[in-house]
C-alpha atoms as a PDB file:
ATOM      1  CA  MET A   1     150.970-111.206  -3.043  1.00  0.00           C
ATOM      2  CA  THR A   2     152.852-113.095  -0.359  1.00  0.00           C
ATOM      3  CA  ASP A   3     155.244-110.175   0.203  1.00  0.00           C
ATOM      4  CA  ASN A   4     152.318-107.988   1.252  1.00  0.00           C
ATOM      5  CA  ALA A   5     150.693-110.637   3.444  1.00  0.00           C
ATOM      6  CA  GLU A   6     149.981-109.689   7.032  1.00  0.00           C
ATOM      7  CA  PRO A   7     152.698-111.183   9.284  1.00  0.00           C
ATOM      8  CA  LYS A   8     151.489-114.012  11.514  1.00  0.00           C
ATOM      9  CA  ALA A   9     151.382-113.382  15.241  1.00  0.00           C
ATOM     10  CA  HIS A  10     153.605-115.735  17.231  1.00  0.00           C
ATOM     11  CA  PHE A  11     152.628-114.373  20.645  1.00  0.00           C
ATOM     12  CA  ILE A  12     149.723-112.118  21.629  1.00  0.00           C
ATOM     13  CA  ILE A  13     149.805-110.926  25.236  1.00  0.00           C
ATOM     14  CA  SER A  14     146.479-109.439  26.236  1.00  0.00           C
ATOM     15  CA  LYS A  15     145.770-107.510  29.466  1.00  0.00           C
ATOM     16  CA  ILE A  16     148.146-109.610  31.553  1.00  0.00           C
ATOM     17  CA  ASP A  17     148.328-109.177  35.319  1.00  0.00           C
ATOM     18  CA  HIS A  18     150.337-111.534  37.494  1.00  0.00           C
ATOM     19  CA  PHE A  19     150.870-111.731  41.239  1.00  0.00           C
ATOM     20  CA  TYR A  20     153.262-113.686  43.444  1.00  0.00           C
ATOM     21  CA  SER A  21     151.191-114.006  46.624  1.00  0.00           C
ATOM     22  CA  LYS A  22     149.866-110.434  46.784  1.00  0.00           C
ATOM     23  CA  THR A  23     152.885-108.828  45.132  1.00  0.00           C
ATOM     24  CA  PRO A  24     152.275-107.654  41.540  1.00  0.00           C
ATOM     25  CA  ALA A  25     154.886-108.926  39.074  1.00  0.00           C
ATOM     26  CA  LEU A  26     153.176-107.857  35.846  1.00  0.00           C
ATOM     27  CA  LYS A  27     150.547-105.160  35.389  1.00  0.00           C
ATOM     28  CA  GLY A  28     148.416-104.571  32.304  1.00  0.00           C
ATOM     29  CA  ILE A  29     150.813-106.054  29.743  1.00  0.00           C
ATOM     30  CA  ASN A  30     149.723-105.902  26.098  1.00  0.00           C
ATOM     31  CA  LEU A  31     152.163-107.035  23.402  1.00  0.00           C
ATOM     32  CA  LYS A  32     152.033-108.647  19.980  1.00  0.00           C
ATOM     33  CA  ILE A  33     155.136-110.355  18.637  1.00  0.00           C
ATOM     34  CA  ASN A  34     155.067-111.682  15.087  1.00  0.00           C
ATOM     35  CA  GLU A  35     156.782-114.769  13.728  1.00  0.00           C
ATOM     36  CA  GLY A  36     160.430-114.081  12.961  1.00  0.00           C
ATOM     37  CA  GLU A  37     160.619-110.846  14.965  1.00  0.00           C
ATOM     38  CA  LYS A  38     163.666-109.995  17.046  1.00  0.00           C
ATOM     39  CA  VAL A  39     162.758-108.210  20.263  1.00  0.00           C
ATOM     40  CA  ALA A  40     164.897-107.040  23.183  1.00  0.00           C
ATOM     41  CA  ILE A  41     163.260-106.572  26.585  1.00  0.00           C
ATOM     42  CA  VAL A  42     165.131-104.137  28.826  1.00  0.00           C
ATOM     43  CA  GLY A  43     164.594-102.768  32.297  1.00  0.00           C
ATOM     44  CA  PRO A  44     165.987-102.843  35.828  1.00  0.00           C
ATOM     45  CA  SER A  45     166.066-105.972  37.989  1.00  0.00           C
ATOM     46  CA  GLY A  46     162.624-106.900  39.250  1.00  0.00           C
ATOM     47  CA  SER A  47     160.804-105.267  36.345  1.00  0.00           C
ATOM     48  CA  GLY A  48     159.087-108.522  35.309  1.00  0.00           C
ATOM     49  CA  LYS A  49     161.245-109.614  32.371  1.00  0.00           C
ATOM     50  CA  THR A  50     161.820-113.177  33.599  1.00  0.00           C
ATOM     51  CA  THR A  51     158.163-113.624  34.552  1.00  0.00           C
ATOM     52  CA  LEU A  52     157.098-112.519  31.084  1.00  0.00           C
ATOM     53  CA  LEU A  53     159.483-114.950  29.368  1.00  0.00           C
ATOM     54  CA  SER A  54     158.176-117.791  31.557  1.00  0.00           C
ATOM     55  CA  MET A  55     154.680-117.028  30.308  1.00  0.00           C
ATOM     56  CA  LEU A  56     155.800-116.950  26.685  1.00  0.00           C
ATOM     57  CA  ASN A  57     157.231-120.425  27.268  1.00  0.00           C
ATOM     58  CA  ALA A  58     153.827-121.480  28.683  1.00  0.00           C
ATOM     59  CA  SER A  59     155.517-122.652  31.885  1.00  0.00           C
ATOM     60  CA  LEU A  60     153.620-120.020  33.891  1.00  0.00           C
ATOM     61  CA  GLN A  61     149.999-118.944  33.513  1.00  0.00           C
ATOM     62  CA  PRO A  62     148.985-115.329  34.239  1.00  0.00           C
ATOM     63  CA  THR A  63     146.742-114.443  37.161  1.00  0.00           C
ATOM     64  CA  GLN A  64     144.563-112.434  34.783  1.00  0.00           C
ATOM     65  CA  GLY A  65     144.464-111.970  31.009  1.00  0.00           C
ATOM     66  CA  GLN A  66     145.647-114.388  28.365  1.00  0.00           C
ATOM     67  CA  ILE A  67     148.623-115.289  26.222  1.00  0.00           C
ATOM     68  CA  ILE A  68     147.870-116.572  22.736  1.00  0.00           C
ATOM     69  CA  ILE A  69     150.610-118.714  21.224  1.00  0.00           C
ATOM     70  CA  HIS A  70     150.220-119.733  17.583  1.00  0.00           C
ATOM     71  CA  GLY A  71     146.579-118.675  17.615  1.00  0.00           C
ATOM     72  CA  LYS A  72     145.539-120.498  20.796  1.00  0.00           C
ATOM     73  CA  SER A  73     145.383-119.364  24.415  1.00  0.00           C
ATOM     74  CA  SER A  74     148.099-121.022  26.511  1.00  0.00           C
ATOM     75  CA  SER A  75     145.459-121.939  29.113  1.00  0.00           C
ATOM     76  CA  GLN A  76     143.566-124.015  26.526  1.00  0.00           C
ATOM     77  CA  TYR A  77     146.421-126.342  25.600  1.00  0.00           C
ATOM     78  CA  THR A  78     146.156-129.891  26.945  1.00  0.00           C
ATOM     79  CA  SER A  79     149.122-131.335  28.862  1.00  0.00           C
ATOM     80  CA  LYS A  80     150.204-133.241  25.766  1.00  0.00           C
ATOM     81  CA  GLU A  81     149.861-130.141  23.593  1.00  0.00           C
ATOM     82  CA  LEU A  82     151.811-128.054  26.122  1.00  0.00           C
ATOM     83  CA  LYS A  83     154.688-130.533  26.018  1.00  0.00           C
ATOM     84  CA  ALA A  84     154.750-130.335  22.222  1.00  0.00           C
ATOM     85  CA  LEU A  85     154.491-126.532  22.338  1.00  0.00           C
ATOM     86  CA  ARG A  86     157.393-126.148  24.783  1.00  0.00           C
ATOM     87  CA  SER A  87     159.517-128.454  22.645  1.00  0.00           C
ATOM     88  CA  LYS A  88     159.266-125.790  19.915  1.00  0.00           C
ATOM     89  CA  ILE A  89     160.050-122.830  22.203  1.00  0.00           C
ATOM     90  CA  ALA A  90     163.687-122.903  23.294  1.00  0.00           C
ATOM     91  CA  LEU A  91     164.388-121.195  26.610  1.00  0.00           C
ATOM     92  CA  ILE A  92     167.907-120.138  27.574  1.00  0.00           C
ATOM     93  CA  PRO A  93     167.586-119.319  31.292  1.00  0.00           C
ATOM     94  CA  GLN A  94     169.920-117.067  33.254  1.00  0.00           C
ATOM     95  CA  ASN A  95     171.658-120.051  34.870  1.00  0.00           C
ATOM     96  CA  LEU A  96     171.832-121.815  31.444  1.00  0.00           C
ATOM     97  CA  ALA A  97     170.447-125.070  32.997  1.00  0.00           C
ATOM     98  CA  LEU A  98     173.404-127.177  31.874  1.00  0.00           C
ATOM     99  CA  VAL A  99     174.413-130.396  33.638  1.00  0.00           C
ATOM    100  CA  SER A 100     178.046-129.820  34.643  1.00  0.00           C
ATOM    101  CA  SER A 101     178.947-133.524  34.706  1.00  0.00           C
ATOM    102  CA  PHE A 102     177.611-134.126  31.185  1.00  0.00           C
ATOM    103  CA  LYS A 103     179.718-134.077  28.061  1.00  0.00           C
ATOM    104  CA  VAL A 104     178.927-131.150  25.790  1.00  0.00           C
ATOM    105  CA  TRP A 105     177.073-133.357  23.299  1.00  0.00           C
ATOM    106  CA  GLN A 106     174.878-134.707  26.109  1.00  0.00           C
ATOM    107  CA  ASN A 107     173.828-131.218  27.158  1.00  0.00           C
ATOM    108  CA  VAL A 108     173.031-130.339  23.550  1.00  0.00           C
ATOM    109  CA  ILE A 109     170.925-133.468  23.114  1.00  0.00           C
ATOM    110  CA  THR A 110     168.724-132.463  26.058  1.00  0.00           C
ATOM    111  CA  GLY A 111     167.338-129.760  23.775  1.00  0.00           C
ATOM    112  CA  ASN A 112     165.041-132.491  22.468  1.00  0.00           C
ATOM    113  CA  ILE A 113     163.955-133.667  25.904  1.00  0.00           C
ATOM    114  CA  GLY A 114     160.379-132.603  25.167  1.00  0.00           C
ATOM    115  CA  LYS A 115     160.275-134.854  22.100  1.00  0.00           C
ATOM    116  CA  TYR A 116     161.684-137.967  23.770  1.00  0.00           C
ATOM    117  CA  GLY A 117     160.111-140.415  26.159  1.00  0.00           C
ATOM    118  CA  PHE A 118     162.225-141.308  29.204  1.00  0.00           C
ATOM    119  CA  LEU A 119     163.667-144.507  27.727  1.00  0.00           C
ATOM    120  CA  GLU A 120     164.452-142.862  24.392  1.00  0.00           C
ATOM    121  CA  LEU A 121     166.171-139.953  26.155  1.00  0.00           C
ATOM    122  CA  LEU A 122     168.217-142.370  28.270  1.00  0.00           C
ATOM    123  CA  LYS A 123     169.226-144.307  25.165  1.00  0.00           C
ATOM    124  CA  ASN A 124     170.325-141.126  23.385  1.00  0.00           C
ATOM    125  CA  LEU A 125     172.314-139.932  26.402  1.00  0.00           C
ATOM    126  CA  LEU A 126     174.124-143.265  26.770  1.00  0.00           C
ATOM    127  CA  ALA A 127     174.500-144.440  23.172  1.00  0.00           C
ATOM    128  CA  PRO A 128     173.626-141.760  20.628  1.00  0.00           C
ATOM    129  CA  ALA A 129     173.331-142.589  16.954  1.00  0.00           C
ATOM    130  CA  LYS A 130     176.322-141.617  14.813  1.00  0.00           C
ATOM    131  CA  LYS A 131     174.122-139.232  12.805  1.00  0.00           C
ATOM    132  CA  THR A 132     173.042-137.489  16.021  1.00  0.00           C
ATOM    133  CA  LEU A 133     176.669-136.828  16.984  1.00  0.00           C
ATOM    134  CA  ILE A 134     177.418-135.584  13.464  1.00  0.00           C
ATOM    135  CA  ASP A 135     174.448-133.209  13.673  1.00  0.00           C
ATOM    136  CA  ILE A 136     175.565-131.934  17.087  1.00  0.00           C
ATOM    137  CA  HIS A 137     179.145-131.456  15.874  1.00  0.00           C
ATOM    138  CA  SER A 138     177.813-129.412  12.957  1.00  0.00           C
ATOM    139  CA  ILE A 139     175.836-127.207  15.356  1.00  0.00           C
ATOM    140  CA  LEU A 140     178.852-126.764  17.640  1.00  0.00           C
ATOM    141  CA  ASP A 141     180.819-125.704  14.559  1.00  0.00           C
ATOM    142  CA  ARG A 142     178.206-123.002  13.912  1.00  0.00           C
ATOM    143  CA  VAL A 143     178.610-121.619  17.432  1.00  0.00           C
ATOM    144  CA  GLY A 144     182.413-121.840  17.356  1.00  0.00           C
ATOM    145  CA  ILE A 145     183.163-124.685  19.794  1.00  0.00           C
ATOM    146  CA  GLU A 146     183.193-127.748  17.542  1.00  0.00           C
ATOM    147  CA  GLU A 147     186.344-129.056  19.274  1.00  0.00           C
ATOM    148  CA  LYS A 148     184.421-129.316  22.574  1.00  0.00           C
ATOM    149  CA  LEU A 149     182.058-132.090  21.439  1.00  0.00           C
ATOM    150  CA  PHE A 150     183.383-134.615  23.970  1.00  0.00           C
ATOM    151  CA  ALA A 151     184.550-132.135  26.619  1.00  0.00           C
ATOM    152  CA  THR A 152     183.055-132.248  30.106  1.00  0.00           C
ATOM    153  CA  THR A 153     180.870-129.190  30.568  1.00  0.00           C
ATOM    154  CA  SER A 154     182.345-128.304  33.967  1.00  0.00           C
ATOM    155  CA  ASN A 155     185.722-127.737  32.281  1.00  0.00           C
ATOM    156  CA  LEU A 156     184.406-125.034  29.941  1.00  0.00           C
ATOM    157  CA  SER A 157     184.722-121.281  30.353  1.00  0.00           C
ATOM    158  CA  GLY A 158     181.640-119.158  30.975  1.00  0.00           C
ATOM    159  CA  GLY A 159     181.524-118.030  27.365  1.00  0.00           C
ATOM    160  CA  GLN A 160     181.828-121.605  26.088  1.00  0.00           C
ATOM    161  CA  ARG A 161     179.017-122.755  28.387  1.00  0.00           C
ATOM    162  CA  GLN A 162     176.788-120.046  26.958  1.00  0.00           C
ATOM    163  CA  ARG A 163     177.530-121.311  23.462  1.00  0.00           C
ATOM    164  CA  VAL A 164     176.582-124.829  24.545  1.00  0.00           C
ATOM    165  CA  ALA A 165     173.222-123.415  25.666  1.00  0.00           C
ATOM    166  CA  VAL A 166     172.808-121.754  22.258  1.00  0.00           C
ATOM    167  CA  ALA A 167     173.731-125.031  20.527  1.00  0.00           C
ATOM    168  CA  ARG A 168     171.125-126.843  22.636  1.00  0.00           C
ATOM    169  CA  SER A 169     168.472-124.381  21.486  1.00  0.00           C
ATOM    170  CA  ILE A 170     169.469-124.876  17.813  1.00  0.00           C
ATOM    171  CA  PHE A 171     169.289-128.668  18.212  1.00  0.00           C
ATOM    172  CA  GLN A 172     165.740-128.198  19.475  1.00  0.00           C
ATOM    173  CA  SER A 173     164.720-126.800  16.031  1.00  0.00           C
ATOM    174  CA  PRO A 174     162.500-124.205  17.719  1.00  0.00           C
ATOM    175  CA  SER A 175     160.043-121.740  16.255  1.00  0.00           C
ATOM    176  CA  ALA A 176     161.100-119.270  18.966  1.00  0.00           C
ATOM    177  CA  ILE A 177     164.136-118.702  21.184  1.00  0.00           C
ATOM    178  CA  LEU A 178     163.630-116.972  24.529  1.00  0.00           C
ATOM    179  CA  ALA A 179     166.895-115.841  26.122  1.00  0.00           C
ATOM    180  CA  ASP A 180     166.802-114.553  29.703  1.00  0.00           C
ATOM    181  CA  GLU A 181     169.798-112.296  30.412  1.00  0.00           C
ATOM    182  CA  PRO A 182     172.127-114.612  28.463  1.00  0.00           C
ATOM    183  CA  VAL A 183     175.128-112.249  28.662  1.00  0.00           C
ATOM    184  CA  SER A 184     174.852-111.061  32.262  1.00  0.00           C
ATOM    185  CA  SER A 185     177.971-112.890  33.480  1.00  0.00           C
ATOM    186  CA  VAL A 186     180.499-112.267  30.693  1.00  0.00           C
ATOM    187  CA  ASP A 187     182.687-109.353  29.651  1.00  0.00           C
ATOM    188  CA  PRO A 188     181.439-106.803  27.072  1.00  0.00           C
ATOM    189  CA  ALA A 189     183.280-108.373  24.117  1.00  0.00           C
ATOM    190  CA  ARG A 190     181.858-111.843  24.791  1.00  0.00           C
ATOM    191  CA  ALA A 191     178.437-110.330  25.456  1.00  0.00           C
ATOM    192  CA  ARG A 192     178.426-108.657  22.058  1.00  0.00           C
ATOM    193  CA  SER A 193     179.647-111.840  20.376  1.00  0.00           C
ATOM    194  CA  LEU A 194     176.890-113.951  21.946  1.00  0.00           C
ATOM    195  CA  VAL A 195     174.113-111.485  21.085  1.00  0.00           C
ATOM    196  CA  GLU A 196     175.361-111.350  17.489  1.00  0.00           C
ATOM    197  CA  LEU A 197     175.445-115.163  17.411  1.00  0.00           C
ATOM    198  CA  LEU A 198     171.838-115.460  18.604  1.00  0.00           C
ATOM    199  CA  LEU A 199     170.691-112.875  16.071  1.00  0.00           C
ATOM    200  CA  LYS A 200     172.527-114.763  13.318  1.00  0.00           C
ATOM    201  CA  VAL A 201     170.928-118.050  14.390  1.00  0.00           C
ATOM    202  CA  ALA A 202     167.484-116.421  14.393  1.00  0.00           C
ATOM    203  CA  ASP A 203     168.100-115.120  10.862  1.00  0.00           C
ATOM    204  CA  GLU A 204     169.354-118.460   9.552  1.00  0.00           C
ATOM    205  CA  GLU A 205     166.589-120.497  11.180  1.00  0.00           C
ATOM    206  CA  LYS A 206     163.865-117.878  10.565  1.00  0.00           C
ATOM    207  CA  THR A 207     163.148-118.074  14.275  1.00  0.00           C
ATOM    208  CA  THR A 208     161.451-115.570  16.560  1.00  0.00           C
ATOM    209  CA  LEU A 209     163.994-114.227  19.075  1.00  0.00           C
ATOM    210  CA  ILE A 210     163.027-112.546  22.342  1.00  0.00           C
ATOM    211  CA  MET A 211     165.891-111.605  24.642  1.00  0.00           C
ATOM    212  CA  SER A 212     165.897-109.852  28.002  1.00  0.00           C
ATOM    213  CA  LEU A 213     169.003-107.736  28.499  1.00  0.00           C
ATOM    214  CA  HIS A 214     170.622-105.559  31.143  1.00  0.00           C
ATOM    215  CA  ASN A 215     173.031-104.319  28.484  1.00  0.00           C
ATOM    216  CA  LEU A 216     171.062-101.356  27.153  1.00  0.00           C
ATOM    217  CA  GLU A 217     173.716-100.433  24.585  1.00  0.00           C
ATOM    218  CA  LEU A 218     173.532-103.854  22.923  1.00  0.00           C
ATOM    219  CA  ALA A 219     169.738-103.841  22.904  1.00  0.00           C
ATOM    220  CA  MET A 220     169.565-100.407  21.285  1.00  0.00           C
ATOM    221  CA  GLU A 221     172.297-101.182  18.756  1.00  0.00           C
ATOM    222  CA  LYS A 222     171.397-104.704  17.682  1.00  0.00           C
ATOM    223  CA  PHE A 223     167.611-105.088  17.914  1.00  0.00           C
ATOM    224  CA  PRO A 224     164.985-103.549  15.619  1.00  0.00           C
ATOM    225  CA  ARG A 225     162.432-103.497  18.449  1.00  0.00           C
ATOM    226  CA  VAL A 226     162.994-102.710  22.126  1.00  0.00           C
ATOM    227  CA  VAL A 227     160.446-103.134  24.917  1.00  0.00           C
ATOM    228  CA  GLY A 228     161.179-101.223  28.132  1.00  0.00           C
ATOM    229  CA  MET A 229     159.769-102.606  31.397  1.00  0.00           C
ATOM    230  CA  ARG A 230     159.665-101.113  34.878  1.00  0.00           C
ATOM    231  CA  ASN A 231     157.775-102.273  37.969  1.00  0.00           C
ATOM    232  CA  GLY A 232     155.915-104.909  35.966  1.00  0.00           C
ATOM    233  CA  SER A 233     154.620-102.523  33.292  1.00  0.00           C
ATOM    234  CA  VAL A 234     155.618-101.764  29.702  1.00  0.00           C
ATOM    235  CA  GLN A 235     156.985 -98.211  29.506  1.00  0.00           C
ATOM    236  CA  PHE A 236     157.733 -98.190  25.783  1.00  0.00           C
ATOM    237  CA  ASP A 237     157.676-100.553  22.801  1.00  0.00           C
ATOM    238  CA  ARG A 238     159.336 -99.068  19.738  1.00  0.00           C
ATOM    239  CA  SER A 239     162.298 -99.149  17.406  1.00  0.00           C
ATOM    240  CA  PRO A 240     165.486 -97.802  19.052  1.00  0.00           C
ATOM    241  CA  ASP A 241     165.559 -94.641  16.935  1.00  0.00           C
ATOM    242  CA  GLN A 242     162.167 -93.659  18.364  1.00  0.00           C
ATOM    243  CA  ILE A 243     163.177 -94.038  22.020  1.00  0.00           C
ATOM    244  CA  SER A 244     164.391 -90.866  23.718  1.00  0.00           C
ATOM    245  CA  LYS A 245     167.276 -90.550  26.177  1.00  0.00           C
ATOM    246  CA  GLU A 246     164.788 -89.217  28.724  1.00  0.00           C
ATOM    247  CA  GLU A 247     162.716 -92.406  28.464  1.00  0.00           C
ATOM    248  CA  LEU A 248     165.802 -94.539  29.028  1.00  0.00           C
ATOM    249  CA  GLN A 249     166.854 -92.457  32.034  1.00  0.00           C
ATOM    250  CA  GLU A 250     163.370 -92.729  33.538  1.00  0.00           C
ATOM    251  CA  LEU A 251     163.375 -96.489  32.969  1.00  0.00           C
ATOM    252  CA  TYR A 252     166.433 -96.998  35.165  1.00  0.00           C
ATOM    253  CA  GLN A 253     165.933 -94.119  37.599  1.00  0.00           C
ATOM    254  CA  LEU A 254     165.875 -95.258  41.209  1.00  0.00           C
ATOM    255  CA  GLU A 255     162.825 -94.342  43.212  1.00  0.00           C
ATOM    256  CA  GLU A 256     163.314 -92.846  46.681  1.00  0.00           C
ATOM    257  CA  LYS A 257     162.276 -96.140  48.308  1.00  0.00           C
ATOM    258  CA  GLU A 258     164.871 -98.077  46.284  1.00  0.00           C
ATOM    259  CA  ILE A 259     167.616 -95.584  47.162  1.00  0.00           C
ATOM    260  CA  LEU A 260     166.844 -95.961  50.872  1.00  0.00           C
ATOM    261  CA  GLU A 261     166.846 -99.763  50.585  1.00  0.00           C
ATOM    262  CA  ASP A 262     170.179 -99.747  48.745  1.00  0.00           C
ATOM    263  CA  GLY A 263     171.648 -97.422  51.350  1.00  0.00           C
END
């Protein structure tokens, strides 16, 4: 009976519009993402991908419409509930949000910042329990940089820093991982490796994974569901084998205004 059970919705995005001042960032967005799904969001710069991820993390409320997270509208969560909610939704931002002067283990431990009070966080950053360091070392082993436990983050390569950000999200024990262009600054081989790592983590942890990507090839090859966005609107939402080449070309086609601005 359980095999045929209806999958639970993790996120329901209903009739979302969002404006920055008077500029529309999102227009008429409707999406449902179930628990454990792996979804790639693709589209040109400025299409609204980052804004959408910020709303899924409940760090931004829409101008109109609602986002339901675990059965409750994000606007109805209390401040305390929002803090608890965000502690279960790991966000890997474009800039990775790592503290360069921290040791690797310290950056990983900040994954639990939403679960700690200030004094407890300070204690863990200055004098972590032995078990905490063992747990972090185990996570670093999973992402392939176990030897960097005590390294200073500023001394790491770009690819290693990205793996620290992934390790931080694992340490958070999230129900969902939101990754915003996590491979935009690395070469194709490292990009593929990182996407495969995040997909593996999502499988092992039974975690929902939503990733925005500029790398269309990786999105189409690795994800079972691809959402295409342009000018703040969803253009398609299907499995890769149901998306035509014409749709992909239209998604990235420059409008006359954009061509003139680029020129």
